Amino acid sequence: MGLPIQKASKHTCTLSNGQEVTFRPFLVKEQKYLLLAKEGKNSVEVLNAVKEIVNQVTFGKVDSNRLTMYDLEYLFLQIRTKSVGETQEVKLSCRELTCEGTGTTMVDLSKVGIEYPSGEEIDNNVQLSETLGVTLKYPSAMQLAEVEDIEDEGDKLVHLLKYGINTIYDDETVYDTDDVPTSEMTEFVESLTLEQVDKLNEFFENIPTLSQELEYKCDHCGKEQTTTLKGLQSFF
């Protein structure tokens, strides 16, 4: 007779697009991926570890490659709270220029939310000229991580725009960029004027992220301070 193997509990959460996801807590066998995420040397390594955990615990129902970064961050945080608890102690550097001290505080992970930097969602339809426009989408988590690890700022911008343009339209036709060859997308992006790029960047600079405001006290100078943690790695 084999040993009794306990069944993990199931939980649900809802992503920004309304998709309801069922998941279980991660187990001892998935701890290695959490360690990889904590020790990742770049954003792609961290993301791959997080994706592996999400894939393991969502019963094959979630394609982590297609999730936006903020939905992946939010889903992972929900999994973490059900796996190792809803609170996390964090150490923060003193914000005073003349002080090298630190302070610690507890984060209630159940209260961490997704926030837009501007405070609200921005229209994804951008008119580039009288006859030309685009609709935009937030890149997937994997695409965004690839962009972040590109060193050349020019190449980084080109890739972000290529990933983020959903459709291109003129007076006669709407072009779905999934059907456009990569070389043509690169040519289109590189033909944009700086003024047009500024219009597009307003959307991408407003990519939502996990965010939580914290209060803490420096152990060295004793000053009470406030800071905001942003992004998944801040909550490990």
Foldseek 3Di string as FASTA:
>chain_A
DDDDDDDFDKDWDAFPVRDIFIWGADDPVLVVLVVQLLPPPALLSNLVSLQVRVCVTRVNPDDLQQAAQARSLLVSLVNVCNHPHQKDKDKAADPDPVDGFIWIDIDRSVPWDKAWPVRDADAQWADQDPFKTFGWDHARSNLLRVLVPDDDPVVSLLSRQLRTTQWMGGPPDIGGSVPPDPVVSSVVSVPGDPVSSVRNVVNVSGRIWTKDKDWTATPPPGDIDIDMDTHNNSRD
